[in-house]
Amino acid sequence: MTNMENLQAIYREVLKKPDLQLTPELTARDVDSWDSLAHVQIIVEVEKKFGVEFDLDDFLAIRNVGDFFKLLARYGVDL
């Protein structure tokens, strides 16, 4: 699996949306099951999968999936 496929799998599993397609514009408002707990679960699963550790400022700066793509790139994860 590519890193993008792994990331998409995490979102699909946590949000219980097996057909979810990640786009840079996707936000929590677009997915009914994406609440604050799901957001934290996504972050935790991504940290485990990609071996990164985000700080609070990183966590708070994520407004959409595109922001998350950029954050992962800063931590050296190629998507």
PDB file of N, CA and C in Angstrom:
ATOM      1  N   MET A   1       0.844  -1.198   0.000  1.00  0.00           N
ATOM      2  CA  MET A   1       0.000   0.000   0.000  1.00  0.00           C
ATOM      3  C   MET A   1       0.877   1.245   0.000  1.00  0.00           C
ATOM      4  N   THR A   2       0.444   2.245  -0.730  1.00  0.00           N
ATOM      5  CA  THR A   2       1.139   3.523  -0.690  1.00  0.00           C
ATOM      6  C   THR A   2       0.746   4.274   0.577  1.00  0.00           C
ATOM      7  N   ASN A   3       1.500   5.320   0.881  1.00  0.00           N
ATOM      8  CA  ASN A   3       1.155   6.144   2.042  1.00  0.00           C
ATOM      9  C   ASN A   3      -0.229   6.757   1.897  1.00  0.00           C
ATOM     10  N   MET A   4      -0.584   7.188   0.686  1.00  0.00           N
ATOM     11  CA  MET A   4      -1.913   7.768   0.472  1.00  0.00           C
ATOM     12  C   MET A   4      -2.997   6.718   0.705  1.00  0.00           C
ATOM     13  N   GLU A   5      -2.779   5.504   0.233  1.00  0.00           N
ATOM     14  CA  GLU A   5      -3.752   4.428   0.458  1.00  0.00           C
ATOM     15  C   GLU A   5      -3.876   4.119   1.950  1.00  0.00           C
ATOM     16  N   ASN A   6      -2.760   4.124   2.660  1.00  0.00           N
ATOM     17  CA  ASN A   6      -2.799   3.905   4.105  1.00  0.00           C
ATOM     18  C   ASN A   6      -3.557   5.009   4.819  1.00  0.00           C
ATOM     19  N   LEU A   7      -3.317   6.251   4.408  1.00  0.00           N
ATOM     20  CA  LEU A   7      -4.022   7.380   5.019  1.00  0.00           C
ATOM     21  C   LEU A   7      -5.516   7.277   4.749  1.00  0.00           C
ATOM     22  N   GLN A   8      -5.868   6.989   3.524  1.00  0.00           N
ATOM     23  CA  GLN A   8      -7.286   6.867   3.178  1.00  0.00           C
ATOM     24  C   GLN A   8      -7.934   5.722   3.961  1.00  0.00           C
ATOM     25  N   ALA A   9      -7.215   4.624   4.137  1.00  0.00           N
ATOM     26  CA  ALA A   9      -7.738   3.487   4.904  1.00  0.00           C
ATOM     27  C   ALA A   9      -8.017   3.887   6.353  1.00  0.00           C
ATOM     28  N   ILE A  10      -7.157   4.711   6.924  1.00  0.00           N
ATOM     29  CA  ILE A  10      -7.366   5.176   8.299  1.00  0.00           C
ATOM     30  C   ILE A  10      -8.651   6.008   8.373  1.00  0.00           C
ATOM     31  N   TYR A  11      -8.800   6.964   7.487  1.00  0.00           N
ATOM     32  CA  TYR A  11     -10.012   7.789   7.477  1.00  0.00           C
ATOM     33  C   TYR A  11     -11.255   6.924   7.292  1.00  0.00           C
ATOM     34  N   ARG A  12     -11.197   5.994   6.352  1.00  0.00           N
ATOM     35  CA  ARG A  12     -12.358   5.139   6.088  1.00  0.00           C
ATOM     36  C   ARG A  12     -12.726   4.305   7.308  1.00  0.00           C
ATOM     37  N   GLU A  13     -11.722   3.758   7.966  1.00  0.00           N
ATOM     38  CA  GLU A  13     -11.989   2.904   9.131  1.00  0.00           C
ATOM     39  C   GLU A  13     -12.535   3.715  10.303  1.00  0.00           C
ATOM     40  N   VAL A  14     -11.859   4.808  10.637  1.00  0.00           N
ATOM     41  CA  VAL A  14     -12.282   5.619  11.784  1.00  0.00           C
ATOM     42  C   VAL A  14     -13.664   6.222  11.550  1.00  0.00           C
ATOM     43  N   LEU A  15     -13.904   6.717  10.347  1.00  0.00           N
ATOM     44  CA  LEU A  15     -15.174   7.381  10.058  1.00  0.00           C
ATOM     45  C   LEU A  15     -16.273   6.423   9.625  1.00  0.00           C
ATOM     46  N   LYS A  16     -15.908   5.140   9.492  1.00  0.00           N
ATOM     47  CA  LYS A  16     -16.866   4.102   9.085  1.00  0.00           C
ATOM     48  C   LYS A  16     -17.529   4.456   7.749  1.00  0.00           C
ATOM     49  N   LYS A  17     -16.695   4.876   6.808  1.00  0.00           N
ATOM     50  CA  LYS A  17     -17.125   5.257   5.456  1.00  0.00           C
ATOM     51  C   LYS A  17     -16.225   4.529   4.458  1.00  0.00           C
ATOM     52  N   PRO A  18     -16.558   3.276   4.105  1.00  0.00           N
ATOM     53  CA  PRO A  18     -15.667   2.468   3.259  1.00  0.00           C
ATOM     54  C   PRO A  18     -15.434   3.017   1.858  1.00  0.00           C
ATOM     55  N   ASP A  19     -16.273   3.916   1.387  1.00  0.00           N
ATOM     56  CA  ASP A  19     -16.108   4.472   0.049  1.00  0.00           C
ATOM     57  C   ASP A  19     -15.571   5.906   0.060  1.00  0.00           C
ATOM     58  N   LEU A  20     -15.187   6.404   1.228  1.00  0.00           N
ATOM     59  CA  LEU A  20     -14.722   7.781   1.348  1.00  0.00           C
ATOM     60  C   LEU A  20     -13.499   8.022   0.472  1.00  0.00           C
ATOM     61  N   GLN A  21     -13.538   9.103  -0.290  1.00  0.00           N
ATOM     62  CA  GLN A  21     -12.409   9.513  -1.110  1.00  0.00           C
ATOM     63  C   GLN A  21     -11.831  10.797  -0.512  1.00  0.00           C
ATOM     64  N   LEU A  22     -10.553  10.750  -0.164  1.00  0.00           N
ATOM     65  CA  LEU A  22      -9.913  11.936   0.396  1.00  0.00           C
ATOM     66  C   LEU A  22      -9.617  12.943  -0.702  1.00  0.00           C
ATOM     67  N   THR A  23      -9.983  14.181  -0.432  1.00  0.00           N
ATOM     68  CA  THR A  23      -9.622  15.310  -1.289  1.00  0.00           C
ATOM     69  C   THR A  23      -9.075  16.392  -0.376  1.00  0.00           C
ATOM     70  N   PRO A  24      -8.235  17.270  -0.895  1.00  0.00           N
ATOM     71  CA  PRO A  24      -7.689  18.330  -0.046  1.00  0.00           C
ATOM     72  C   PRO A  24      -8.763  19.203   0.599  1.00  0.00           C
ATOM     73  N   GLU A  25      -9.907  19.345  -0.047  1.00  0.00           N
ATOM     74  CA  GLU A  25     -10.963  20.232   0.454  1.00  0.00           C
ATOM     75  C   GLU A  25     -11.866  19.581   1.503  1.00  0.00           C
ATOM     76  N   LEU A  26     -11.766  18.272   1.685  1.00  0.00           N
ATOM     77  CA  LEU A  26     -12.652  17.547   2.593  1.00  0.00           C
ATOM     78  C   LEU A  26     -12.481  18.035   4.032  1.00  0.00           C
ATOM     79  N   THR A  27     -13.616  18.314   4.694  1.00  0.00           N
ATOM     80  CA  THR A  27     -13.596  18.752   6.093  1.00  0.00           C
ATOM     81  C   THR A  27     -14.548  17.891   6.916  1.00  0.00           C
ATOM     82  N   ALA A  28     -14.501  18.081   8.212  1.00  0.00           N
ATOM     83  CA  ALA A  28     -15.389  17.356   9.115  1.00  0.00           C
ATOM     84  C   ALA A  28     -16.855  17.666   8.816  1.00  0.00           C
ATOM     85  N   ARG A  29     -17.132  18.848   8.317  1.00  0.00           N
ATOM     86  CA  ARG A  29     -18.516  19.211   7.981  1.00  0.00           C
ATOM     87  C   ARG A  29     -19.079  18.365   6.852  1.00  0.00           C
ATOM     88  N   ASP A  30     -18.191  17.771   6.059  1.00  0.00           N
ATOM     89  CA  ASP A  30     -18.613  16.975   4.906  1.00  0.00           C
ATOM     90  C   ASP A  30     -18.956  15.525   5.252  1.00  0.00           C
ATOM     91  N   VAL A  31     -18.586  15.090   6.458  1.00  0.00           N
ATOM     92  CA  VAL A  31     -18.760  13.690   6.841  1.00  0.00           C
ATOM     93  C   VAL A  31     -19.461  13.642   8.188  1.00  0.00           C
ATOM     94  N   ASP A  32     -20.667  13.087   8.222  1.00  0.00           N
ATOM     95  CA  ASP A  32     -21.474  13.117   9.449  1.00  0.00           C
ATOM     96  C   ASP A  32     -20.826  12.406  10.637  1.00  0.00           C
ATOM     97  N   SER A  33     -20.009  11.414  10.396  1.00  0.00           N
ATOM     98  CA  SER A  33     -19.391  10.673  11.509  1.00  0.00           C
ATOM     99  C   SER A  33     -18.061  11.281  11.970  1.00  0.00           C
ATOM    100  N   TRP A  34     -17.650  12.391  11.382  1.00  0.00           N
ATOM    101  CA  TRP A  34     -16.371  13.025  11.711  1.00  0.00           C
ATOM    102  C   TRP A  34     -16.599  14.063  12.802  1.00  0.00           C
ATOM    103  N   ASP A  35     -16.571  13.609  14.040  1.00  0.00           N
ATOM    104  CA  ASP A  35     -16.713  14.500  15.181  1.00  0.00           C
ATOM    105  C   ASP A  35     -15.348  14.684  15.838  1.00  0.00           C
ATOM    106  N   SER A  36     -15.311  15.346  16.974  1.00  0.00           N
ATOM    107  CA  SER A  36     -14.028  15.636  17.616  1.00  0.00           C
ATOM    108  C   SER A  36     -13.311  14.362  18.064  1.00  0.00           C
ATOM    109  N   LEU A  37     -14.051  13.378  18.517  1.00  0.00           N
ATOM    110  CA  LEU A  37     -13.429  12.115  18.916  1.00  0.00           C
ATOM    111  C   LEU A  37     -12.826  11.411  17.707  1.00  0.00           C
ATOM    112  N   ALA A  38     -13.544  11.392  16.604  1.00  0.00           N
ATOM    113  CA  ALA A  38     -13.024  10.776  15.383  1.00  0.00           C
ATOM    114  C   ALA A  38     -11.768  11.512  14.912  1.00  0.00           C
ATOM    115  N   HIS A  39     -11.753  12.822  15.047  1.00  0.00           N
ATOM    116  CA  HIS A  39     -10.591  13.614  14.652  1.00  0.00           C
ATOM    117  C   HIS A  39      -9.359  13.178  15.444  1.00  0.00           C
ATOM    118  N   VAL A  40      -9.529  13.025  16.742  1.00  0.00           N
ATOM    119  CA  VAL A  40      -8.429  12.573  17.600  1.00  0.00           C
ATOM    120  C   VAL A  40      -8.006  11.154  17.205  1.00  0.00           C
ATOM    121  N   GLN A  41      -8.959  10.285  16.941  1.00  0.00           N
ATOM    122  CA  GLN A  41      -8.635   8.919  16.550  1.00  0.00           C
ATOM    123  C   GLN A  41      -7.845   8.890  15.240  1.00  0.00           C
ATOM    124  N   ILE A  42      -8.219   9.724  14.295  1.00  0.00           N
ATOM    125  CA  ILE A  42      -7.485   9.802  13.031  1.00  0.00           C
ATOM    126  C   ILE A  42      -6.039  10.209  13.301  1.00  0.00           C
ATOM    127  N   ILE A  43      -5.853  11.245  14.104  1.00  0.00           N
ATOM    128  CA  ILE A  43      -4.511  11.733  14.427  1.00  0.00           C
ATOM    129  C   ILE A  43      -3.679  10.620  15.071  1.00  0.00           C
ATOM    130  N   VAL A  44      -4.243   9.929  16.048  1.00  0.00           N
ATOM    131  CA  VAL A  44      -3.527   8.866  16.754  1.00  0.00           C
ATOM    132  C   VAL A  44      -3.143   7.735  15.805  1.00  0.00           C
ATOM    133  N   GLU A  45      -4.073   7.328  14.962  1.00  0.00           N
ATOM    134  CA  GLU A  45      -3.795   6.238  14.016  1.00  0.00           C
ATOM    135  C   GLU A  45      -2.724   6.642  13.000  1.00  0.00           C
ATOM    136  N   VAL A  46      -2.766   7.891  12.551  1.00  0.00           N
ATOM    137  CA  VAL A  46      -1.751   8.376  11.611  1.00  0.00           C
ATOM    138  C   VAL A  46      -0.383   8.417  12.285  1.00  0.00           C
ATOM    139  N   GLU A  47      -0.327   8.881  13.521  1.00  0.00           N
ATOM    140  CA  GLU A  47       0.947   8.900  14.250  1.00  0.00           C
ATOM    141  C   GLU A  47       1.526   7.493  14.347  1.00  0.00           C
ATOM    142  N   LYS A  48       0.685   6.525  14.681  1.00  0.00           N
ATOM    143  CA  LYS A  48       1.157   5.140  14.794  1.00  0.00           C
ATOM    144  C   LYS A  48       1.611   4.593  13.443  1.00  0.00           C
ATOM    145  N   LYS A  49       0.815   4.793  12.421  1.00  0.00           N
ATOM    146  CA  LYS A  49       1.090   4.213  11.106  1.00  0.00           C
ATOM    147  C   LYS A  49       2.357   4.779  10.480  1.00  0.00           C
ATOM    148  N   PHE A  50       2.546   6.097  10.606  1.00  0.00           N
ATOM    149  CA  PHE A  50       3.654   6.753   9.926  1.00  0.00           C
ATOM    150  C   PHE A  50       4.837   7.087  10.843  1.00  0.00           C
ATOM    151  N   GLY A  51       4.738   6.729  12.122  1.00  0.00           N
ATOM    152  CA  GLY A  51       5.855   6.934  13.048  1.00  0.00           C
ATOM    153  C   GLY A  51       6.187   8.400  13.287  1.00  0.00           C
ATOM    154  N   VAL A  52       5.158   9.232  13.342  1.00  0.00           N
ATOM    155  CA  VAL A  52       5.357  10.652  13.614  1.00  0.00           C
ATOM    156  C   VAL A  52       4.647  11.006  14.908  1.00  0.00           C
ATOM    157  N   GLU A  53       5.014  12.153  15.463  1.00  0.00           N
ATOM    158  CA  GLU A  53       4.341  12.631  16.672  1.00  0.00           C
ATOM    159  C   GLU A  53       4.060  14.112  16.490  1.00  0.00           C
ATOM    160  N   PHE A  54       2.796  14.449  16.452  1.00  0.00           N
ATOM    161  CA  PHE A  54       2.381  15.837  16.252  1.00  0.00           C
ATOM    162  C   PHE A  54       2.311  16.564  17.579  1.00  0.00           C
ATOM    163  N   ASP A  55       2.557  17.862  17.539  1.00  0.00           N
ATOM    164  CA  ASP A  55       2.366  18.656  18.756  1.00  0.00           C
ATOM    165  C   ASP A  55       0.997  19.334  18.703  1.00  0.00           C
ATOM    166  N   LEU A  56       0.631  20.001  19.749  1.00  0.00           N
ATOM    167  CA  LEU A  56      -0.694  20.599  19.851  1.00  0.00           C
ATOM    168  C   LEU A  56      -0.950  21.616  18.741  1.00  0.00           C
ATOM    169  N   ASP A  57       0.050  22.427  18.417  1.00  0.00           N
ATOM    170  CA  ASP A  57      -0.123  23.415  17.354  1.00  0.00           C
ATOM    171  C   ASP A  57      -0.429  22.737  16.027  1.00  0.00           C
ATOM    172  N   ASP A  58       0.246  21.623  15.755  1.00  0.00           N
ATOM    173  CA  ASP A  58      -0.031  20.861  14.533  1.00  0.00           C
ATOM    174  C   ASP A  58      -1.481  20.401  14.525  1.00  0.00           C
ATOM    175  N   PHE A  59      -1.882  19.829  15.619  1.00  0.00           N
ATOM    176  CA  PHE A  59      -3.229  19.276  15.761  1.00  0.00           C
ATOM    177  C   PHE A  59      -4.294  20.348  15.524  1.00  0.00           C
ATOM    178  N   LEU A  60      -4.081  21.515  16.084  1.00  0.00           N
ATOM    179  CA  LEU A  60      -5.061  22.597  15.980  1.00  0.00           C
ATOM    180  C   LEU A  60      -5.078  23.256  14.604  1.00  0.00           C
ATOM    181  N   ALA A  61      -4.010  23.105  13.845  1.00  0.00           N
ATOM    182  CA  ALA A  61      -3.911  23.755  12.532  1.00  0.00           C
ATOM    183  C   ALA A  61      -4.611  22.976  11.420  1.00  0.00           C
ATOM    184  N   ILE A  62      -5.050  21.773  11.701  1.00  0.00           N
ATOM    185  CA  ILE A  62      -5.677  20.945  10.665  1.00  0.00           C
ATOM    186  C   ILE A  62      -7.138  21.361  10.504  1.00  0.00           C
ATOM    187  N   ARG A  63      -7.427  22.022   9.389  1.00  0.00           N
ATOM    188  CA  ARG A  63      -8.793  22.463   9.100  1.00  0.00           C
ATOM    189  C   ARG A  63      -9.462  21.603   8.036  1.00  0.00           C
ATOM    190  N   ASN A  64      -8.636  20.944   7.223  1.00  0.00           N
ATOM    191  CA  ASN A  64      -9.158  20.078   6.179  1.00  0.00           C
ATOM    192  C   ASN A  64      -8.101  19.023   5.842  1.00  0.00           C
ATOM    193  N   VAL A  65      -8.432  18.116   4.975  1.00  0.00           N
ATOM    194  CA  VAL A  65      -7.506  17.038   4.627  1.00  0.00           C
ATOM    195  C   VAL A  65      -6.254  17.601   3.956  1.00  0.00           C
ATOM    196  N   GLY A  66      -6.397  18.662   3.170  1.00  0.00           N
ATOM    197  CA  GLY A  66      -5.237  19.281   2.534  1.00  0.00           C
ATOM    198  C   GLY A  66      -4.220  19.778   3.551  1.00  0.00           C
ATOM    199  N   ASP A  67      -4.704  20.358   4.660  1.00  0.00           N
ATOM    200  CA  ASP A  67      -3.801  20.779   5.733  1.00  0.00           C
ATOM    201  C   ASP A  67      -3.058  19.576   6.305  1.00  0.00           C
ATOM    202  N   PHE A  68      -3.754  18.467   6.406  1.00  0.00           N
ATOM    203  CA  PHE A  68      -3.129  17.254   6.937  1.00  0.00           C
ATOM    204  C   PHE A  68      -2.067  16.727   5.968  1.00  0.00           C
ATOM    205  N   PHE A  69      -2.355  16.795   4.659  1.00  0.00           N
ATOM    206  CA  PHE A  69      -1.361  16.405   3.653  1.00  0.00           C
ATOM    207  C   PHE A  69      -0.084  17.230   3.838  1.00  0.00           C
ATOM    208  N   LYS A  70      -0.240  18.548   3.991  1.00  0.00           N
ATOM    209  CA  LYS A  70       0.913  19.442   4.155  1.00  0.00           C
ATOM    210  C   LYS A  70       1.667  19.140   5.444  1.00  0.00           C
ATOM    211  N   LEU A  71       0.933  18.881   6.507  1.00  0.00           N
ATOM    212  CA  LEU A  71       1.560  18.554   7.788  1.00  0.00           C
ATOM    213  C   LEU A  71       2.380  17.273   7.676  1.00  0.00           C
ATOM    214  N   LEU A  72       1.806  16.261   7.064  1.00  0.00           N
ATOM    215  CA  LEU A  72       2.548  15.012   6.891  1.00  0.00           C
ATOM    216  C   LEU A  72       3.805  15.226   6.051  1.00  0.00           C
ATOM    217  N   ALA A  73       3.724  16.057   5.031  1.00  0.00           N
ATOM    218  CA  ALA A  73       4.889  16.346   4.193  1.00  0.00           C
ATOM    219  C   ALA A  73       5.993  17.016   5.027  1.00  0.00           C
ATOM    220  N   ARG A  74       5.599  17.919   5.936  1.00  0.00           N
ATOM    221  CA  ARG A  74       6.585  18.563   6.825  1.00  0.00           C
ATOM    222  C   ARG A  74       7.299  17.536   7.690  1.00  0.00           C
ATOM    223  N   TYR A  75       6.621  16.458   8.011  1.00  0.00           N
ATOM    224  CA  TYR A  75       7.217  15.410   8.843  1.00  0.00           C
ATOM    225  C   TYR A  75       7.885  14.326   7.988  1.00  0.00           C
ATOM    226  N   GLY A  76       8.006  14.583   6.688  1.00  0.00           N
ATOM    227  CA  GLY A  76       8.734  13.668   5.816  1.00  0.00           C
ATOM    228  C   GLY A  76       7.945  12.505   5.269  1.00  0.00           C
ATOM    229  N   VAL A  77       6.614  12.560   5.364  1.00  0.00           N
ATOM    230  CA  VAL A  77       5.775  11.493   4.828  1.00  0.00           C
ATOM    231  C   VAL A  77       5.355  11.882   3.416  1.00  0.00           C
ATOM    232  N   ASP A  78       5.809  11.123   2.441  1.00  0.00           N
ATOM    233  CA  ASP A  78       5.439  11.373   1.047  1.00  0.00           C
ATOM    234  C   ASP A  78       4.097  10.726   0.746  1.00  0.00           C
ATOM    235  N   LEU A  79       3.189  11.517   0.195  1.00  0.00           N
ATOM    236  CA  LEU A  79       1.878  10.985  -0.176  1.00  0.00           C
ATOM    237  C   LEU A  79       1.756  10.866  -1.675  1.00  0.00           C
TER     238      LEU A  79
END
